[in-house]
PDB file of N, CA and C in Angstrom:
ATOM      1  N   MET A   1     -19.145  74.406  16.987  1.00  0.00           N
ATOM      2  CA  MET A   1     -19.821  74.659  15.729  1.00  0.00           C
ATOM      3  C   MET A   1     -20.766  75.850  15.843  1.00  0.00           C
ATOM      4  N   ALA A   2     -21.324  76.055  17.014  1.00  0.00           N
ATOM      5  CA  ALA A   2     -22.239  77.188  17.179  1.00  0.00           C
ATOM      6  C   ALA A   2     -21.534  78.502  16.858  1.00  0.00           C
ATOM      7  N   LYS A   3     -20.280  78.634  17.267  1.00  0.00           N
ATOM      8  CA  LYS A   3     -19.515  79.845  16.984  1.00  0.00           C
ATOM      9  C   LYS A   3     -19.289  79.995  15.478  1.00  0.00           C
ATOM     10  N   LEU A   4     -18.986  78.906  14.796  1.00  0.00           N
ATOM     11  CA  LEU A   4     -18.814  78.945  13.339  1.00  0.00           C
ATOM     12  C   LEU A   4     -20.088  79.434  12.660  1.00  0.00           C
ATOM     13  N   PHE A   5     -21.224  78.870  13.070  1.00  0.00           N
ATOM     14  CA  PHE A   5     -22.494  79.274  12.474  1.00  0.00           C
ATOM     15  C   PHE A   5     -22.797  80.729  12.760  1.00  0.00           C
ATOM     16  N   GLU A   6     -22.581  81.140  14.003  1.00  0.00           N
ATOM     17  CA  GLU A   6     -22.853  82.521  14.379  1.00  0.00           C
ATOM     18  C   GLU A   6     -22.011  83.492  13.555  1.00  0.00           C
ATOM     19  N   ASP A   7     -20.734  83.175  13.373  1.00  0.00           N
ATOM     20  CA  ASP A   7     -19.853  84.035  12.566  1.00  0.00           C
ATOM     21  C   ASP A   7     -20.333  84.126  11.127  1.00  0.00           C
ATOM     22  N   LEU A   8     -20.795  83.023  10.574  1.00  0.00           N
ATOM     23  CA  LEU A   8     -21.277  83.024   9.193  1.00  0.00           C
ATOM     24  C   LEU A   8     -22.600  83.759   9.058  1.00  0.00           C
ATOM     25  N   PHE A   9     -23.528  83.533   9.958  1.00  0.00           N
ATOM     26  CA  PHE A   9     -24.857  84.109   9.827  1.00  0.00           C
ATOM     27  C   PHE A   9     -24.861  85.621   9.920  1.00  0.00           C
ATOM     28  N   GLU A  10     -23.822  86.173  10.502  1.00  0.00           N
ATOM     29  CA  GLU A  10     -23.682  87.622  10.554  1.00  0.00           C
ATOM     30  C   GLU A  10     -23.680  88.226   9.141  1.00  0.00           C
ATOM     31  N   TYR A  11     -23.226  87.455   8.175  1.00  0.00           N
ATOM     32  CA  TYR A  11     -23.124  87.940   6.798  1.00  0.00           C
ATOM     33  C   TYR A  11     -24.389  87.720   5.979  1.00  0.00           C
ATOM     34  N   TYR A  12     -25.367  87.031   6.519  1.00  0.00           N
ATOM     35  CA  TYR A  12     -26.606  86.786   5.791  1.00  0.00           C
ATOM     36  C   TYR A  12     -27.516  87.996   5.797  1.00  0.00           C
ATOM     37  N   ASP A  13     -27.227  88.961   6.639  1.00  0.00           N
ATOM     38  CA  ASP A  13     -28.093  90.120   6.834  1.00  0.00           C
ATOM     39  C   ASP A  13     -27.713  91.236   5.863  1.00  0.00           C
ATOM     40  N   TYR A  14     -28.599  91.503   4.930  1.00  0.00           N
ATOM     41  CA  TYR A  14     -28.386  92.528   3.906  1.00  0.00           C
ATOM     42  C   TYR A  14     -28.150  93.905   4.507  1.00  0.00           C
ATOM     43  N   VAL A  15     -28.726  94.175   5.655  1.00  0.00           N
ATOM     44  CA  VAL A  15     -28.592  95.510   6.242  1.00  0.00           C
ATOM     45  C   VAL A  15     -27.463  95.596   7.272  1.00  0.00           C
ATOM     46  N   SER A  16     -26.703  94.521   7.465  1.00  0.00           N
ATOM     47  CA  SER A  16     -25.556  94.618   8.370  1.00  0.00           C
ATOM     48  C   SER A  16     -24.539  95.576   7.764  1.00  0.00           C
ATOM     49  N   ALA A  17     -23.760  96.214   8.614  1.00  0.00           N
ATOM     50  CA  ALA A  17     -22.797  97.211   8.129  1.00  0.00           C
ATOM     51  C   ALA A  17     -21.838  96.646   7.085  1.00  0.00           C
ATOM     52  N   PRO A  18     -21.177  95.503   7.327  1.00  0.00           N
ATOM     53  CA  PRO A  18     -20.225  95.022   6.313  1.00  0.00           C
ATOM     54  C   PRO A  18     -20.888  94.717   4.966  1.00  0.00           C
ATOM     55  N   ILE A  19     -22.025  94.025   5.004  1.00  0.00           N
ATOM     56  CA  ILE A  19     -22.710  93.648   3.761  1.00  0.00           C
ATOM     57  C   ILE A  19     -23.339  94.870   3.103  1.00  0.00           C
ATOM     58  N   GLY A  20     -24.055  95.668   3.870  1.00  0.00           N
ATOM     59  CA  GLY A  20     -24.692  96.865   3.316  1.00  0.00           C
ATOM     60  C   GLY A  20     -23.693  97.805   2.666  1.00  0.00           C
ATOM     61  N   ASN A  21     -22.560  98.028   3.334  1.00  0.00           N
ATOM     62  CA  ASN A  21     -21.528  98.893   2.754  1.00  0.00           C
ATOM     63  C   ASN A  21     -20.953  98.305   1.476  1.00  0.00           C
ATOM     64  N   ALA A  22     -20.713  97.003   1.478  1.00  0.00           N
ATOM     65  CA  ALA A  22     -20.155  96.354   0.296  1.00  0.00           C
ATOM     66  C   ALA A  22     -21.119  96.456  -0.889  1.00  0.00           C
ATOM     67  N   ILE A  23     -22.395  96.213  -0.641  1.00  0.00           N
ATOM     68  CA  ILE A  23     -23.379  96.277  -1.719  1.00  0.00           C
ATOM     69  C   ILE A  23     -23.542  97.710  -2.214  1.00  0.00           C
ATOM     70  N   GLN A  24     -23.571  98.648  -1.299  1.00  0.00           N
ATOM     71  CA  GLN A  24     -23.683 100.053  -1.700  1.00  0.00           C
ATOM     72  C   GLN A  24     -22.478 100.461  -2.555  1.00  0.00           C
ATOM     73  N   ARG A  25     -21.320 100.048  -2.162  1.00  0.00           N
ATOM     74  CA  ARG A  25     -20.091 100.398  -2.892  1.00  0.00           C
ATOM     75  C   ARG A  25     -20.032  99.691  -4.238  1.00  0.00           C
ATOM     76  N   GLY A  26     -20.419  98.430  -4.276  1.00  0.00           N
ATOM     77  CA  GLY A  26     -20.278  97.629  -5.484  1.00  0.00           C
ATOM     78  C   GLY A  26     -21.458  97.688  -6.434  1.00  0.00           C
ATOM     79  N   GLY A  27     -22.571  98.236  -5.978  1.00  0.00           N
ATOM     80  CA  GLY A  27     -23.741  98.373  -6.846  1.00  0.00           C
ATOM     81  C   GLY A  27     -24.356  97.043  -7.230  1.00  0.00           C
ATOM     82  N   LYS A  28     -24.906  97.012  -8.437  1.00  0.00           N
ATOM     83  CA  LYS A  28     -25.641  95.833  -8.924  1.00  0.00           C
ATOM     84  C   LYS A  28     -24.751  94.589  -8.986  1.00  0.00           C
ATOM     85  N   ASP A  29     -23.487  94.763  -9.368  1.00  0.00           N
ATOM     86  CA  ASP A  29     -22.584  93.605  -9.413  1.00  0.00           C
ATOM     87  C   ASP A  29     -22.420  92.982  -8.032  1.00  0.00           C
ATOM     88  N   ALA A  30     -22.242  93.829  -7.031  1.00  0.00           N
ATOM     89  CA  ALA A  30     -22.088  93.338  -5.662  1.00  0.00           C
ATOM     90  C   ALA A  30     -23.378  92.692  -5.176  1.00  0.00           C
ATOM     91  N   GLU A  31     -24.502  93.284  -5.500  1.00  0.00           N
ATOM     92  CA  GLU A  31     -25.785  92.710  -5.093  1.00  0.00           C
ATOM     93  C   GLU A  31     -25.976  91.326  -5.709  1.00  0.00           C
ATOM     94  N   ASN A  32     -25.651  91.180  -6.985  1.00  0.00           N
ATOM     95  CA  ASN A  32     -25.751  89.880  -7.648  1.00  0.00           C
ATOM     96  C   ASN A  32     -24.800  88.863  -7.023  1.00  0.00           C
ATOM     97  N   GLU A  33     -23.592  89.308  -6.722  1.00  0.00           N
ATOM     98  CA  GLU A  33     -22.606  88.420  -6.104  1.00  0.00           C
ATOM     99  C   GLU A  33     -23.076  87.979  -4.713  1.00  0.00           C
ATOM    100  N   PHE A  34     -23.652  88.899  -3.956  1.00  0.00           N
ATOM    101  CA  PHE A  34     -24.179  88.584  -2.634  1.00  0.00           C
ATOM    102  C   PHE A  34     -25.305  87.545  -2.744  1.00  0.00           C
ATOM    103  N   CYS A  35     -26.198  87.737  -3.688  1.00  0.00           N
ATOM    104  CA  CYS A  35     -27.311  86.784  -3.886  1.00  0.00           C
ATOM    105  C   CYS A  35     -26.782  85.401  -4.263  1.00  0.00           C
ATOM    106  N   THR A  36     -25.724  85.363  -5.061  1.00  0.00           N
ATOM    107  CA  THR A  36     -25.113  84.091  -5.432  1.00  0.00           C
ATOM    108  C   THR A  36     -24.529  83.397  -4.205  1.00  0.00           C
ATOM    109  N   LEU A  37     -23.875  84.169  -3.340  1.00  0.00           N
ATOM    110  CA  LEU A  37     -23.337  83.595  -2.099  1.00  0.00           C
ATOM    111  C   LEU A  37     -24.459  83.066  -1.211  1.00  0.00           C
ATOM    112  N   LEU A  38     -25.529  83.833  -1.093  1.00  0.00           N
ATOM    113  CA  LEU A  38     -26.662  83.379  -0.282  1.00  0.00           C
ATOM    114  C   LEU A  38     -27.229  82.070  -0.814  1.00  0.00           C
ATOM    115  N   GLU A  39     -27.356  81.986  -2.121  1.00  0.00           N
ATOM    116  CA  GLU A  39     -27.885  80.755  -2.712  1.00  0.00           C
ATOM    117  C   GLU A  39     -26.925  79.591  -2.482  1.00  0.00           C
ATOM    118  N   ARG A  40     -25.634  79.864  -2.650  1.00  0.00           N
ATOM    119  CA  ARG A  40     -24.641  78.803  -2.498  1.00  0.00           C
ATOM    120  C   ARG A  40     -24.622  78.243  -1.085  1.00  0.00           C
ATOM    121  N   TYR A  41     -24.802  79.091  -0.096  1.00  0.00           N
ATOM    122  CA  TYR A  41     -24.754  78.655   1.297  1.00  0.00           C
ATOM    123  C   TYR A  41     -26.141  78.578   1.927  1.00  0.00           C
ATOM    124  N   ASN A  42     -27.162  78.469   1.104  1.00  0.00           N
ATOM    125  CA  ASN A  42     -28.541  78.386   1.575  1.00  0.00           C
ATOM    126  C   ASN A  42     -28.780  77.163   2.453  1.00  0.00           C
ATOM    127  N   GLU A  43     -28.200  76.059   2.105  1.00  0.00           N
ATOM    128  CA  GLU A  43     -28.440  74.820   2.858  1.00  0.00           C
ATOM    129  C   GLU A  43     -28.029  74.978   4.318  1.00  0.00           C
ATOM    130  N   ILE A  44     -26.945  75.672   4.540  1.00  0.00           N
ATOM    131  CA  ILE A  44     -26.477  75.835   5.918  1.00  0.00           C
ATOM    132  C   ILE A  44     -27.389  76.767   6.710  1.00  0.00           C
ATOM    133  N   ALA A  45     -28.134  77.608   6.014  1.00  0.00           N
ATOM    134  CA  ALA A  45     -29.068  78.513   6.700  1.00  0.00           C
ATOM    135  C   ALA A  45     -30.149  77.742   7.447  1.00  0.00           C
ATOM    136  N   LYS A  46     -30.350  76.492   7.096  1.00  0.00           N
ATOM    137  CA  LYS A  46     -31.368  75.690   7.769  1.00  0.00           C
ATOM    138  C   LYS A  46     -31.063  75.472   9.241  1.00  0.00           C
ATOM    139  N   VAL A  47     -29.819  75.657   9.640  1.00  0.00           N
ATOM    140  CA  VAL A  47     -29.468  75.499  11.053  1.00  0.00           C
ATOM    141  C   VAL A  47     -29.262  76.850  11.719  1.00  0.00           C
ATOM    142  N   ASN A  48     -29.611  77.922  11.016  1.00  0.00           N
ATOM    143  CA  ASN A  48     -29.476  79.269  11.558  1.00  0.00           C
ATOM    144  C   ASN A  48     -30.484  79.467  12.684  1.00  0.00           C
ATOM    145  N   PRO A  49     -30.007  79.670  13.906  1.00  0.00           N
ATOM    146  CA  PRO A  49     -30.945  79.816  15.020  1.00  0.00           C
ATOM    147  C   PRO A  49     -31.771  81.091  14.938  1.00  0.00           C
ATOM    148  N   TRP A  50     -31.359  82.062  14.120  1.00  0.00           N
ATOM    149  CA  TRP A  50     -32.082  83.325  14.004  1.00  0.00           C
ATOM    150  C   TRP A  50     -33.198  83.249  12.981  1.00  0.00           C
ATOM    151  N   SER A  51     -33.147  82.277  12.117  1.00  0.00           N
ATOM    152  CA  SER A  51     -34.112  82.209  11.028  1.00  0.00           C
ATOM    153  C   SER A  51     -35.446  81.662  11.519  1.00  0.00           C
ATOM    154  N   GLN A  52     -36.485  82.420  11.287  1.00  0.00           N
ATOM    155  CA  GLN A  52     -37.829  81.965  11.622  1.00  0.00           C
ATOM    156  C   GLN A  52     -38.553  81.447  10.379  1.00  0.00           C
ATOM    157  N   LEU A  53     -37.872  81.506   9.233  1.00  0.00           N
ATOM    158  CA  LEU A  53     -38.525  81.177   7.968  1.00  0.00           C
ATOM    159  C   LEU A  53     -38.330  79.733   7.548  1.00  0.00           C
ATOM    160  N   VAL A  54     -37.435  79.019   8.217  1.00  0.00           N
ATOM    161  CA  VAL A  54     -37.140  77.660   7.797  1.00  0.00           C
ATOM    162  C   VAL A  54     -37.593  76.672   8.865  1.00  0.00           C
ATOM    163  N   ASN A  55     -38.167  75.591   8.411  1.00  0.00           N
ATOM    164  CA  ASN A  55     -38.519  74.518   9.330  1.00  0.00           C
ATOM    165  C   ASN A  55     -37.250  73.705   9.551  1.00  0.00           C
ATOM    166  N   ARG A  56     -36.660  73.800  10.717  1.00  0.00           N
ATOM    167  CA  ARG A  56     -35.388  73.136  10.931  1.00  0.00           C
ATOM    168  C   ARG A  56     -35.487  72.120  12.072  1.00  0.00           C
ATOM    169  N   THR A  57     -34.914  70.997  11.836  1.00  0.00           N
ATOM    170  CA  THR A  57     -34.748  69.972  12.842  1.00  0.00           C
ATOM    171  C   THR A  57     -33.286  69.587  12.779  1.00  0.00           C
ATOM    172  N   PHE A  58     -32.572  69.819  13.840  1.00  0.00           N
ATOM    173  CA  PHE A  58     -31.157  69.512  13.828  1.00  0.00           C
ATOM    174  C   PHE A  58     -30.782  68.858  15.140  1.00  0.00           C
ATOM    175  N   PRO A  59     -30.185  67.711  15.139  1.00  0.00           N
ATOM    176  CA  PRO A  59     -29.749  67.006  13.941  1.00  0.00           C
ATOM    177  C   PRO A  59     -30.927  66.372  13.209  1.00  0.00           C
ATOM    178  N   PRO A  60     -30.767  66.200  11.919  1.00  0.00           N
ATOM    179  CA  PRO A  60     -31.842  65.663  11.086  1.00  0.00           C
ATOM    180  C   PRO A  60     -31.940  64.144  11.191  1.00  0.00           C
ATOM    181  N   SER A  61     -32.977  63.614  10.611  1.00  0.00           N
ATOM    182  CA  SER A  61     -33.115  62.163  10.516  1.00  0.00           C
ATOM    183  C   SER A  61     -32.136  61.640   9.468  1.00  0.00           C
ATOM    184  N   LEU A  62     -31.692  60.419   9.670  1.00  0.00           N
ATOM    185  CA  LEU A  62     -30.784  59.781   8.710  1.00  0.00           C
ATOM    186  C   LEU A  62     -31.560  58.772   7.887  1.00  0.00           C
ATOM    187  N   PRO A  63     -31.201  58.551   6.647  1.00  0.00           N
ATOM    188  CA  PRO A  63     -30.182  59.258   5.879  1.00  0.00           C
ATOM    189  C   PRO A  63     -30.620  60.701   5.621  1.00  0.00           C
ATOM    190  N   TYR A  64     -29.638  61.576   5.460  1.00  0.00           N
ATOM    191  CA  TYR A  64     -29.889  63.004   5.312  1.00  0.00           C
ATOM    192  C   TYR A  64     -29.226  63.497   4.034  1.00  0.00           C
ATOM    193  N   SER A  65     -29.987  64.216   3.218  1.00  0.00           N
ATOM    194  CA  SER A  65     -29.457  64.725   1.951  1.00  0.00           C
ATOM    195  C   SER A  65     -29.399  66.242   1.971  1.00  0.00           C
ATOM    196  N   VAL A  66     -28.367  66.784   1.352  1.00  0.00           N
ATOM    197  CA  VAL A  66     -28.214  68.229   1.214  1.00  0.00           C
ATOM    198  C   VAL A  66     -28.013  68.566  -0.257  1.00  0.00           C
ATOM    199  N   GLN A  67     -28.532  69.717  -0.627  1.00  0.00           N
ATOM    200  CA  GLN A  67     -28.294  70.264  -1.957  1.00  0.00           C
ATOM    201  C   GLN A  67     -27.101  71.203  -1.830  1.00  0.00           C
ATOM    202  N   GLN A  68     -26.171  71.103  -2.755  1.00  0.00           N
ATOM    203  CA  GLN A  68     -25.024  71.989  -2.694  1.00  0.00           C
ATOM    204  C   GLN A  68     -24.732  72.558  -4.064  1.00  0.00           C
ATOM    205  N   ILE A  69     -24.087  73.722  -4.050  1.00  0.00           N
ATOM    206  CA  ILE A  69     -23.696  74.409  -5.279  1.00  0.00           C
ATOM    207  C   ILE A  69     -22.217  74.707  -5.160  1.00  0.00           C
ATOM    208  N   ASP A  70     -21.438  74.255  -6.135  1.00  0.00           N
ATOM    209  CA  ASP A  70     -20.007  74.520  -6.059  1.00  0.00           C
ATOM    210  C   ASP A  70     -19.677  75.901  -6.626  1.00  0.00           C
ATOM    211  N   GLN A  71     -18.403  76.240  -6.676  1.00  0.00           N
ATOM    212  CA  GLN A  71     -17.969  77.568  -7.116  1.00  0.00           C
ATOM    213  C   GLN A  71     -18.318  77.868  -8.568  1.00  0.00           C
ATOM    214  N   THR A  72     -18.527  76.833  -9.361  1.00  0.00           N
ATOM    215  CA  THR A  72     -18.882  77.037 -10.765  1.00  0.00           C
ATOM    216  C   THR A  72     -20.383  77.130 -10.976  1.00  0.00           C
ATOM    217  N   GLY A  73     -21.156  76.940  -9.895  1.00  0.00           N
ATOM    218  CA  GLY A  73     -22.608  76.985  -9.998  1.00  0.00           C
ATOM    219  C   GLY A  73     -23.236  75.625 -10.231  1.00  0.00           C
ATOM    220  N   GLN A  74     -22.403  74.598 -10.289  1.00  0.00           N
ATOM    221  CA  GLN A  74     -22.892  73.232 -10.504  1.00  0.00           C
ATOM    222  C   GLN A  74     -23.610  72.741  -9.246  1.00  0.00           C
ATOM    223  N   ARG A  75     -24.809  72.203  -9.429  1.00  0.00           N
ATOM    224  CA  ARG A  75     -25.605  71.699  -8.306  1.00  0.00           C
ATOM    225  C   ARG A  75     -25.440  70.194  -8.174  1.00  0.00           C
ATOM    226  N   SER A  76     -25.466  69.747  -6.929  1.00  0.00           N
ATOM    227  CA  SER A  76     -25.388  68.314  -6.666  1.00  0.00           C
ATOM    228  C   SER A  76     -26.079  68.019  -5.340  1.00  0.00           C
ATOM    229  N   THR A  77     -26.316  66.751  -5.111  1.00  0.00           N
ATOM    230  CA  THR A  77     -26.916  66.297  -3.869  1.00  0.00           C
ATOM    231  C   THR A  77     -25.937  65.349  -3.206  1.00  0.00           C
ATOM    232  N   GLU A  78     -25.780  65.518  -1.907  1.00  0.00           N
ATOM    233  CA  GLU A  78     -24.949  64.601  -1.139  1.00  0.00           C
ATOM    234  C   GLU A  78     -25.818  64.014  -0.037  1.00  0.00           C
ATOM    235  N   THR A  79     -25.722  62.714   0.142  1.00  0.00           N
ATOM    236  CA  THR A  79     -26.520  62.020   1.153  1.00  0.00           C
ATOM    237  C   THR A  79     -25.589  61.418   2.194  1.00  0.00           C
ATOM    238  N   PHE A  80     -25.952  61.622   3.450  1.00  0.00           N
ATOM    239  CA  PHE A  80     -25.140  61.144   4.565  1.00  0.00           C
ATOM    240  C   PHE A  80     -25.878  60.040   5.297  1.00  0.00           C
ATOM    241  N   GLN A  81     -25.110  59.066   5.743  1.00  0.00           N
ATOM    242  CA  GLN A  81     -25.678  57.931   6.466  1.00  0.00           C
ATOM    243  C   GLN A  81     -25.390  57.985   7.966  1.00  0.00           C
ATOM    244  N   ASP A  82     -24.509  58.923   8.380  1.00  0.00           N
ATOM    245  CA  ASP A  82     -24.149  59.011   9.797  1.00  0.00           C
ATOM    246  C   ASP A  82     -23.999  60.475  10.199  1.00  0.00           C
ATOM    247  N   TYR A  83     -24.145  60.733  11.496  1.00  0.00           N
ATOM    248  CA  TYR A  83     -24.120  62.105  11.997  1.00  0.00           C
ATOM    249  C   TYR A  83     -22.741  62.743  11.914  1.00  0.00           C
ATOM    250  N   ASN A  84     -21.686  61.964  12.045  1.00  0.00           N
ATOM    251  CA  ASN A  84     -20.347  62.545  11.909  1.00  0.00           C
ATOM    252  C   ASN A  84     -20.178  63.195  10.548  1.00  0.00           C
ATOM    253  N   SER A  85     -20.650  62.535   9.517  1.00  0.00           N
ATOM    254  CA  SER A  85     -20.543  63.084   8.162  1.00  0.00           C
ATOM    255  C   SER A  85     -21.389  64.341   8.004  1.00  0.00           C
ATOM    256  N   VAL A  86     -22.573  64.341   8.595  1.00  0.00           N
ATOM    257  CA  VAL A  86     -23.446  65.527   8.535  1.00  0.00           C
ATOM    258  C   VAL A  86     -22.758  66.712   9.197  1.00  0.00           C
ATOM    259  N   PHE A  87     -22.266  66.519  10.417  1.00  0.00           N
ATOM    260  CA  PHE A  87     -21.620  67.605  11.135  1.00  0.00           C
ATOM    261  C   PHE A  87     -20.338  68.069  10.427  1.00  0.00           C
ATOM    262  N   ASP A  88     -19.573  67.123   9.884  1.00  0.00           N
ATOM    263  CA  ASP A  88     -18.359  67.494   9.141  1.00  0.00           C
ATOM    264  C   ASP A  88     -18.709  68.362   7.935  1.00  0.00           C
ATOM    265  N   TRP A  89     -19.774  67.988   7.229  1.00  0.00           N
ATOM    266  CA  TRP A  89     -20.184  68.762   6.055  1.00  0.00           C
ATOM    267  C   TRP A  89     -20.608  70.176   6.462  1.00  0.00           C
ATOM    268  N   TYR A  90     -21.416  70.275   7.504  1.00  0.00           N
ATOM    269  CA  TYR A  90     -21.849  71.602   7.962  1.00  0.00           C
ATOM    270  C   TYR A  90     -20.666  72.442   8.449  1.00  0.00           C
ATOM    271  N   GLU A  91     -19.722  71.823   9.104  1.00  0.00           N
ATOM    272  CA  GLU A  91     -18.547  72.568   9.561  1.00  0.00           C
ATOM    273  C   GLU A  91     -17.745  73.083   8.366  1.00  0.00           C
ATOM    274  N   ARG A  92     -17.513  72.235   7.382  1.00  0.00           N
ATOM    275  CA  ARG A  92     -16.786  72.669   6.168  1.00  0.00           C
ATOM    276  C   ARG A  92     -17.523  73.799   5.472  1.00  0.00           C
ATOM    277  N   GLN A  93     -18.843  73.660   5.348  1.00  0.00           N
ATOM    278  CA  GLN A  93     -19.640  74.699   4.688  1.00  0.00           C
ATOM    279  C   GLN A  93     -19.587  76.017   5.450  1.00  0.00           C
ATOM    280  N   ALA A  94     -19.663  75.950   6.780  1.00  0.00           N
ATOM    281  CA  ALA A  94     -19.610  77.168   7.588  1.00  0.00           C
ATOM    282  C   ALA A  94     -18.259  77.858   7.434  1.00  0.00           C
ATOM    283  N   ARG A  95     -17.190  77.090   7.471  1.00  0.00           N
ATOM    284  CA  ARG A  95     -15.851  77.679   7.317  1.00  0.00           C
ATOM    285  C   ARG A  95     -15.680  78.273   5.911  1.00  0.00           C
ATOM    286  N   GLU A  96     -16.059  77.501   4.907  1.00  0.00           N
ATOM    287  CA  GLU A  96     -15.940  77.959   3.523  1.00  0.00           C
ATOM    288  C   GLU A  96     -16.812  79.193   3.279  1.00  0.00           C
ATOM    289  N   GLY A  97     -18.027  79.169   3.781  1.00  0.00           N
ATOM    290  CA  GLY A  97     -18.933  80.299   3.617  1.00  0.00           C
ATOM    291  C   GLY A  97     -18.411  81.550   4.285  1.00  0.00           C
ATOM    292  N   HIS A  98     -17.865  81.393   5.476  1.00  0.00           N
ATOM    293  CA  HIS A  98     -17.310  82.550   6.184  1.00  0.00           C
ATOM    294  C   HIS A  98     -16.185  83.175   5.366  1.00  0.00           C
ATOM    295  N   VAL A  99     -15.297  82.363   4.846  1.00  0.00           N
ATOM    296  CA  VAL A  99     -14.194  82.873   4.010  1.00  0.00           C
ATOM    297  C   VAL A  99     -14.750  83.592   2.788  1.00  0.00           C
ATOM    298  N   ALA A 100     -15.767  83.021   2.154  1.00  0.00           N
ATOM    299  CA  ALA A 100     -16.342  83.618   0.941  1.00  0.00           C
ATOM    300  C   ALA A 100     -17.000  84.967   1.243  1.00  0.00           C
ATOM    301  N   PHE A 101     -17.745  85.065   2.338  1.00  0.00           N
ATOM    302  CA  PHE A 101     -18.402  86.330   2.676  1.00  0.00           C
ATOM    303  C   PHE A 101     -17.388  87.390   3.111  1.00  0.00           C
ATOM    304  N   VAL A 102     -16.365  86.996   3.846  1.00  0.00           N
ATOM    305  CA  VAL A 102     -15.320  87.953   4.225  1.00  0.00           C
ATOM    306  C   VAL A 102     -14.619  88.464   2.966  1.00  0.00           C
ATOM    307  N   ALA A 103     -14.336  87.582   2.019  1.00  0.00           N
ATOM    308  CA  ALA A 103     -13.704  88.003   0.769  1.00  0.00           C
ATOM    309  C   ALA A 103     -14.611  88.961  -0.004  1.00  0.00           C
ATOM    310  N   PHE A 104     -15.907  88.705   0.007  1.00  0.00           N
ATOM    311  CA  PHE A 104     -16.871  89.589  -0.650  1.00  0.00           C
ATOM    312  C   PHE A 104     -16.823  90.981  -0.030  1.00  0.00           C
ATOM    313  N   VAL A 105     -16.874  91.046   1.288  1.00  0.00           N
ATOM    314  CA  VAL A 105     -16.828  92.332   1.978  1.00  0.00           C
ATOM    315  C   VAL A 105     -15.512  93.038   1.692  1.00  0.00           C
ATOM    316  N   GLU A 106     -14.432  92.305   1.740  1.00  0.00           N
ATOM    317  CA  GLU A 106     -13.106  92.869   1.478  1.00  0.00           C
ATOM    318  C   GLU A 106     -13.031  93.436   0.053  1.00  0.00           C
ATOM    319  N   LYS A 107     -13.612  92.750  -0.887  1.00  0.00           N
ATOM    320  CA  LYS A 107     -13.583  93.175  -2.290  1.00  0.00           C
ATOM    321  C   LYS A 107     -14.259  94.529  -2.498  1.00  0.00           C
ATOM    322  N   TYR A 108     -15.343  94.765  -1.798  1.00  0.00           N
ATOM    323  CA  TYR A 108     -16.139  95.971  -2.033  1.00  0.00           C
ATOM    324  C   TYR A 108     -16.060  97.003  -0.904  1.00  0.00           C
ATOM    325  N   ARG A 109     -15.266  96.750   0.104  1.00  0.00           N
ATOM    326  CA  ARG A 109     -15.269  97.663   1.247  1.00  0.00           C
ATOM    327  C   ARG A 109     -14.814  99.072   0.867  1.00  0.00           C
ATOM    328  N   THR A 110     -15.271 100.034   1.633  1.00  0.00           N
ATOM    329  CA  THR A 110     -14.945 101.433   1.362  1.00  0.00           C
ATOM    330  C   THR A 110     -14.000 102.017   2.395  1.00  0.00           C
ATOM    331  N   GLY A 111     -13.796 101.318   3.482  1.00  0.00           N
ATOM    332  CA  GLY A 111     -12.942 101.819   4.541  1.00  0.00           C
ATOM    333  C   GLY A 111     -12.412 100.659   5.346  1.00  0.00           C
ATOM    334  N   PRO A 112     -11.964 100.930   6.564  1.00  0.00           N
ATOM    335  CA  PRO A 112     -11.436  99.851   7.406  1.00  0.00           C
ATOM    336  C   PRO A 112     -12.489  98.769   7.626  1.00  0.00           C
ATOM    337  N   LEU A 113     -12.051  97.547   7.587  1.00  0.00           N
ATOM    338  CA  LEU A 113     -12.944  96.406   7.779  1.00  0.00           C
ATOM    339  C   LEU A 113     -13.192  96.192   9.259  1.00  0.00           C
ATOM    340  N   GLU A 114     -14.436  96.319   9.670  1.00  0.00           N
ATOM    341  CA  GLU A 114     -14.803  96.111  11.065  1.00  0.00           C
ATOM    342  C   GLU A 114     -15.801  94.972  11.126  1.00  0.00           C
ATOM    343  N   LEU A 115     -15.352  93.834  11.634  1.00  0.00           N
ATOM    344  CA  LEU A 115     -16.230  92.673  11.722  1.00  0.00           C
ATOM    345  C   LEU A 115     -16.582  92.373  13.145  1.00  0.00           C
TER     346      LEU A 115
END
């Protein structure tokens, strides 16, 4: 899972080459889309080892609740009673988020994709 998180967190950085190039190429629309992705995958950022801004305890105490936003922008809360479910949710989110950020970069890229 650490590798999944590391691959995803690479896209959280506005000044990284893939994200910066995509936003520069796509302008305000790309910037808005990037912010939407960040908000959608914000919950997973709580386990980001690079983030100094979040108070993180992982694994969390049970029961554990997460806020999530689906592709339509609908918000919901999911509560887990066991660690397997927590880890499964984070793994799904990391995989889904990685696909979404790669698609974002691909959509706005200006040259060969270097990840």
